[in-house]
Amino acid sequence: MFTGEFKHAVDAKNRLSIPSKFREKLGDNFYITKGLDHCLFVFSMEEWSNFEEKLKELPLSNKNARAFARSFFAGATECELDKQGRILLPQTLRNHANIEKDVYVNGAGSRIEIWDATTWESYNDFMTANMDDLAEDMEALGIRF
């Protein structure tokens, strides 16, 4: 499980250092793709395979299912860490997440999320201010505190 929040910067060559806490769990090769809420999702090979199987099960006859799967597959890039624990962030993925320089690399359970720093800070502030409403929604999904 990936947990934690780490602030990093994309260097001039569009490389991003993956926090050492995450590297072992990710492995040498992993997938990065367009995520929801204008962030990037990073999956270990095992989690990508699980996610891929779920997307394959979506009905092709459903327009929204096709669009959802298309977004994740078209944006997906297999990555490999360099010797310094960095990855190259493709321009299309940086554009999707509005990433220029400062980012947050956050654990999100079965995946990692990469956020533009300003976007994450605004999103996080909003979520914190609305935590009671979120908790009520989670109760409806079976999560009780």
C-alpha atoms as a PDB file:
ATOM      1  CA  MET A   1       0.000   0.000   0.000  1.00  0.00           C
ATOM      2  CA  PHE A   2       1.294   3.437  -0.936  1.00  0.00           C
ATOM      3  CA  THR A   3       0.938   6.149   1.705  1.00  0.00           C
ATOM      4  CA  GLY A   4       2.442   9.557   2.310  1.00  0.00           C
ATOM      5  CA  GLU A   5       2.820  12.937   0.633  1.00  0.00           C
ATOM      6  CA  PHE A   6       6.101  14.159  -0.854  1.00  0.00           C
ATOM      7  CA  LYS A   7       6.839  17.481  -2.520  1.00  0.00           C
ATOM      8  CA  HIS A   8       9.297  17.324  -5.418  1.00  0.00           C
ATOM      9  CA  ALA A   9      10.230  19.306  -8.507  1.00  0.00           C
ATOM     10  CA  VAL A  10      10.434  18.321 -12.155  1.00  0.00           C
ATOM     11  CA  ASP A  11      13.910  19.166 -13.443  1.00  0.00           C
ATOM     12  CA  ALA A  12      14.803  21.025 -16.652  1.00  0.00           C
ATOM     13  CA  LYS A  13      14.855  17.715 -18.578  1.00  0.00           C
ATOM     14  CA  ASN A  14      11.310  16.844 -17.373  1.00  0.00           C
ATOM     15  CA  ARG A  15      12.543  14.166 -14.978  1.00  0.00           C
ATOM     16  CA  LEU A  16      10.874  13.521 -11.646  1.00  0.00           C
ATOM     17  CA  SER A  17      12.430  11.740  -8.696  1.00  0.00           C
ATOM     18  CA  ILE A  18      10.171   9.059  -7.246  1.00  0.00           C
ATOM     19  CA  PRO A  19      10.345   9.019  -3.433  1.00  0.00           C
ATOM     20  CA  SER A  20      12.570   6.207  -2.193  1.00  0.00           C
ATOM     21  CA  LYS A  21       9.708   4.985   0.026  1.00  0.00           C
ATOM     22  CA  PHE A  22       7.753   4.122  -3.158  1.00  0.00           C
ATOM     23  CA  ARG A  23      10.520   2.703  -5.360  1.00  0.00           C
ATOM     24  CA  GLU A  24      10.707  -0.803  -3.923  1.00  0.00           C
ATOM     25  CA  LYS A  25       6.934  -1.296  -4.057  1.00  0.00           C
ATOM     26  CA  LEU A  26       6.780   0.012  -7.641  1.00  0.00           C
ATOM     27  CA  GLY A  27       9.594  -2.123  -8.966  1.00  0.00           C
ATOM     28  CA  ASP A  28      11.916  -1.202 -11.824  1.00  0.00           C
ATOM     29  CA  ASN A  29       9.117  -0.935 -14.394  1.00  0.00           C
ATOM     30  CA  PHE A  30       5.622   0.443 -13.893  1.00  0.00           C
ATOM     31  CA  TYR A  31       2.864   2.359 -15.664  1.00  0.00           C
ATOM     32  CA  ILE A  32       1.900   6.000 -15.487  1.00  0.00           C
ATOM     33  CA  THR A  33      -1.297   7.316 -17.055  1.00  0.00           C
ATOM     34  CA  LYS A  34      -3.816  10.135 -16.998  1.00  0.00           C
ATOM     35  CA  GLY A  35      -5.669  10.101 -13.722  1.00  0.00           C
ATOM     36  CA  LEU A  36      -8.868  11.629 -12.471  1.00  0.00           C
ATOM     37  CA  ASP A  37      -9.109  15.168 -11.073  1.00  0.00           C
ATOM     38  CA  HIS A  38      -6.219  16.318 -13.312  1.00  0.00           C
ATOM     39  CA  CYS A  39      -3.529  14.224 -11.681  1.00  0.00           C
ATOM     40  CA  LEU A  40      -1.453  11.289 -12.918  1.00  0.00           C
ATOM     41  CA  PHE A  41      -1.887   7.709 -11.726  1.00  0.00           C
ATOM     42  CA  VAL A  42       1.153   5.484 -11.244  1.00  0.00           C
ATOM     43  CA  PHE A  43       0.622   1.713 -11.017  1.00  0.00           C
ATOM     44  CA  SER A  44       3.045  -1.112 -10.280  1.00  0.00           C
ATOM     45  CA  MET A  45       3.045  -3.764 -13.017  1.00  0.00           C
ATOM     46  CA  GLU A  46       0.837  -6.001 -10.859  1.00  0.00           C
ATOM     47  CA  GLU A  47      -1.697  -3.256 -10.118  1.00  0.00           C
ATOM     48  CA  TRP A  48      -1.689  -2.140 -13.772  1.00  0.00           C
ATOM     49  CA  SER A  49      -2.503  -5.702 -14.797  1.00  0.00           C
ATOM     50  CA  ASN A  50      -5.397  -5.785 -12.289  1.00  0.00           C
ATOM     51  CA  PHE A  51      -6.676  -2.406 -13.494  1.00  0.00           C
ATOM     52  CA  GLU A  52      -6.288  -3.431 -17.136  1.00  0.00           C
ATOM     53  CA  GLU A  53      -8.394  -6.559 -16.553  1.00  0.00           C
ATOM     54  CA  LYS A  54     -11.176  -4.471 -15.022  1.00  0.00           C
ATOM     55  CA  LEU A  55     -11.131  -2.091 -17.989  1.00  0.00           C
ATOM     56  CA  LYS A  56     -11.234  -5.027 -20.432  1.00  0.00           C
ATOM     57  CA  GLU A  57     -14.429  -6.230 -18.752  1.00  0.00           C
ATOM     58  CA  LEU A  58     -16.263  -2.992 -19.521  1.00  0.00           C
ATOM     59  CA  PRO A  59     -18.881  -3.408 -22.281  1.00  0.00           C
ATOM     60  CA  LEU A  60     -17.767  -2.038 -25.649  1.00  0.00           C
ATOM     61  CA  SER A  61     -21.385  -1.165 -26.366  1.00  0.00           C
ATOM     62  CA  ASN A  62     -21.343   1.453 -23.580  1.00  0.00           C
ATOM     63  CA  LYS A  63     -20.130   4.826 -24.858  1.00  0.00           C
ATOM     64  CA  ASN A  64     -18.934   6.030 -21.434  1.00  0.00           C
ATOM     65  CA  ALA A  65     -17.101   2.762 -20.770  1.00  0.00           C
ATOM     66  CA  ARG A  66     -15.254   3.089 -24.100  1.00  0.00           C
ATOM     67  CA  ALA A  67     -14.302   6.689 -23.344  1.00  0.00           C
ATOM     68  CA  PHE A  68     -13.133   5.810 -19.833  1.00  0.00           C
ATOM     69  CA  ALA A  69     -10.946   2.906 -20.994  1.00  0.00           C
ATOM     70  CA  ARG A  70      -9.666   4.887 -23.982  1.00  0.00           C
ATOM     71  CA  SER A  71      -8.483   7.717 -21.735  1.00  0.00           C
ATOM     72  CA  PHE A  72      -6.466   5.429 -19.474  1.00  0.00           C
ATOM     73  CA  PHE A  73      -4.968   3.266 -22.236  1.00  0.00           C
ATOM     74  CA  ALA A  74      -4.133   6.106 -24.635  1.00  0.00           C
ATOM     75  CA  GLY A  75      -2.384   8.038 -21.891  1.00  0.00           C
ATOM     76  CA  ALA A  76      -0.473   5.082 -20.480  1.00  0.00           C
ATOM     77  CA  THR A  77       3.296   4.932 -20.638  1.00  0.00           C
ATOM     78  CA  GLU A  78       5.524   2.203 -19.285  1.00  0.00           C
ATOM     79  CA  CYS A  79       8.276   3.799 -17.206  1.00  0.00           C
ATOM     80  CA  GLU A  80      11.611   2.673 -15.901  1.00  0.00           C
ATOM     81  CA  LEU A  81      13.526   4.302 -13.067  1.00  0.00           C
ATOM     82  CA  ASP A  82      16.974   5.595 -13.931  1.00  0.00           C
ATOM     83  CA  LYS A  83      19.909   5.015 -11.576  1.00  0.00           C
ATOM     84  CA  GLN A  84      18.941   8.099  -9.544  1.00  0.00           C
ATOM     85  CA  GLY A  85      15.335   6.930  -9.102  1.00  0.00           C
ATOM     86  CA  ARG A  86      13.870   9.349 -11.654  1.00  0.00           C
ATOM     87  CA  ILE A  87      11.387   8.985 -14.477  1.00  0.00           C
ATOM     88  CA  LEU A  88      10.831  11.083 -17.572  1.00  0.00           C
ATOM     89  CA  LEU A  89       7.356  12.636 -17.571  1.00  0.00           C
ATOM     90  CA  PRO A  90       5.981  12.733 -21.128  1.00  0.00           C
ATOM     91  CA  GLN A  91       4.641  16.096 -22.307  1.00  0.00           C
ATOM     92  CA  THR A  92       1.113  14.741 -22.858  1.00  0.00           C
ATOM     93  CA  LEU A  93       0.911  13.591 -19.249  1.00  0.00           C
ATOM     94  CA  ARG A  94       2.381  16.848 -17.940  1.00  0.00           C
ATOM     95  CA  ASN A  95      -0.225  18.724 -19.961  1.00  0.00           C
ATOM     96  CA  HIS A  96      -3.056  16.587 -18.560  1.00  0.00           C
ATOM     97  CA  ALA A  97      -2.010  17.362 -14.975  1.00  0.00           C
ATOM     98  CA  ASN A  98      -0.879  20.967 -15.655  1.00  0.00           C
ATOM     99  CA  ILE A  99       2.574  20.066 -14.354  1.00  0.00           C
ATOM    100  CA  GLU A 100       5.321  22.589 -14.887  1.00  0.00           C
ATOM    101  CA  LYS A 101       7.767  22.316 -11.989  1.00  0.00           C
ATOM    102  CA  ASP A 102       6.595  21.684  -8.420  1.00  0.00           C
ATOM    103  CA  VAL A 103       4.601  18.521  -7.774  1.00  0.00           C
ATOM    104  CA  TYR A 104       3.294  16.334  -4.997  1.00  0.00           C
ATOM    105  CA  VAL A 105       3.868  12.598  -5.234  1.00  0.00           C
ATOM    106  CA  ASN A 106       1.214  11.037  -3.011  1.00  0.00           C
ATOM    107  CA  GLY A 107       0.413   7.540  -1.925  1.00  0.00           C
ATOM    108  CA  ALA A 108      -3.166   6.559  -2.760  1.00  0.00           C
ATOM    109  CA  GLY A 109      -3.453   2.979  -1.559  1.00  0.00           C
ATOM    110  CA  SER A 110      -2.902   0.716  -4.561  1.00  0.00           C
ATOM    111  CA  ARG A 111      -1.397   3.489  -6.684  1.00  0.00           C
ATOM    112  CA  ILE A 112       0.617   6.697  -6.535  1.00  0.00           C
ATOM    113  CA  GLU A 113      -0.759  10.030  -7.700  1.00  0.00           C
ATOM    114  CA  ILE A 114       1.329  12.874  -9.112  1.00  0.00           C
ATOM    115  CA  TRP A 115      -0.218  16.329  -8.795  1.00  0.00           C
ATOM    116  CA  ASP A 116       0.802  19.809  -9.831  1.00  0.00           C
ATOM    117  CA  ALA A 117       1.608  21.446  -6.467  1.00  0.00           C
ATOM    118  CA  THR A 118      -0.865  24.322  -6.781  1.00  0.00           C
ATOM    119  CA  THR A 119      -3.652  22.008  -7.955  1.00  0.00           C
ATOM    120  CA  TRP A 120      -3.007  19.580  -5.074  1.00  0.00           C
ATOM    121  CA  GLU A 121      -2.921  22.325  -2.461  1.00  0.00           C
ATOM    122  CA  SER A 122      -6.253  23.739  -3.683  1.00  0.00           C
ATOM    123  CA  TYR A 123      -7.824  20.283  -3.908  1.00  0.00           C
ATOM    124  CA  ASN A 124      -6.520  19.314  -0.478  1.00  0.00           C
ATOM    125  CA  ASP A 125      -7.831  22.551   1.083  1.00  0.00           C
ATOM    126  CA  PHE A 126     -11.264  21.931  -0.441  1.00  0.00           C
ATOM    127  CA  MET A 127     -11.353  18.318   0.768  1.00  0.00           C
ATOM    128  CA  THR A 128     -10.278  19.322   4.261  1.00  0.00           C
ATOM    129  CA  ALA A 129     -12.999  21.990   4.421  1.00  0.00           C
ATOM    130  CA  ASN A 130     -15.618  19.451   3.275  1.00  0.00           C
ATOM    131  CA  MET A 131     -14.509  16.389   5.258  1.00  0.00           C
ATOM    132  CA  ASP A 132     -17.850  16.042   7.078  1.00  0.00           C
ATOM    133  CA  ASP A 133     -19.733  15.805   3.783  1.00  0.00           C
ATOM    134  CA  LEU A 134     -17.191  13.296   2.474  1.00  0.00           C
ATOM    135  CA  ALA A 135     -17.565  11.185   5.601  1.00  0.00           C
ATOM    136  CA  GLU A 136     -21.337  11.070   5.090  1.00  0.00           C
ATOM    137  CA  ASP A 137     -20.854   9.932   1.491  1.00  0.00           C
ATOM    138  CA  MET A 138     -18.436   7.223   2.629  1.00  0.00           C
ATOM    139  CA  GLU A 139     -20.995   5.958   5.143  1.00  0.00           C
ATOM    140  CA  ALA A 140     -23.417   5.440   2.254  1.00  0.00           C
ATOM    141  CA  LEU A 141     -20.706   3.294   0.630  1.00  0.00           C
ATOM    142  CA  GLY A 142     -20.278   1.186   3.763  1.00  0.00           C
ATOM    143  CA  ILE A 143     -17.285   2.985   5.344  1.00  0.00           C
ATOM    144  CA  ARG A 144     -18.115   3.881   8.942  1.00  0.00           C
ATOM    145  CA  PHE A 145     -15.933   5.668  11.451  1.00  0.00           C
END
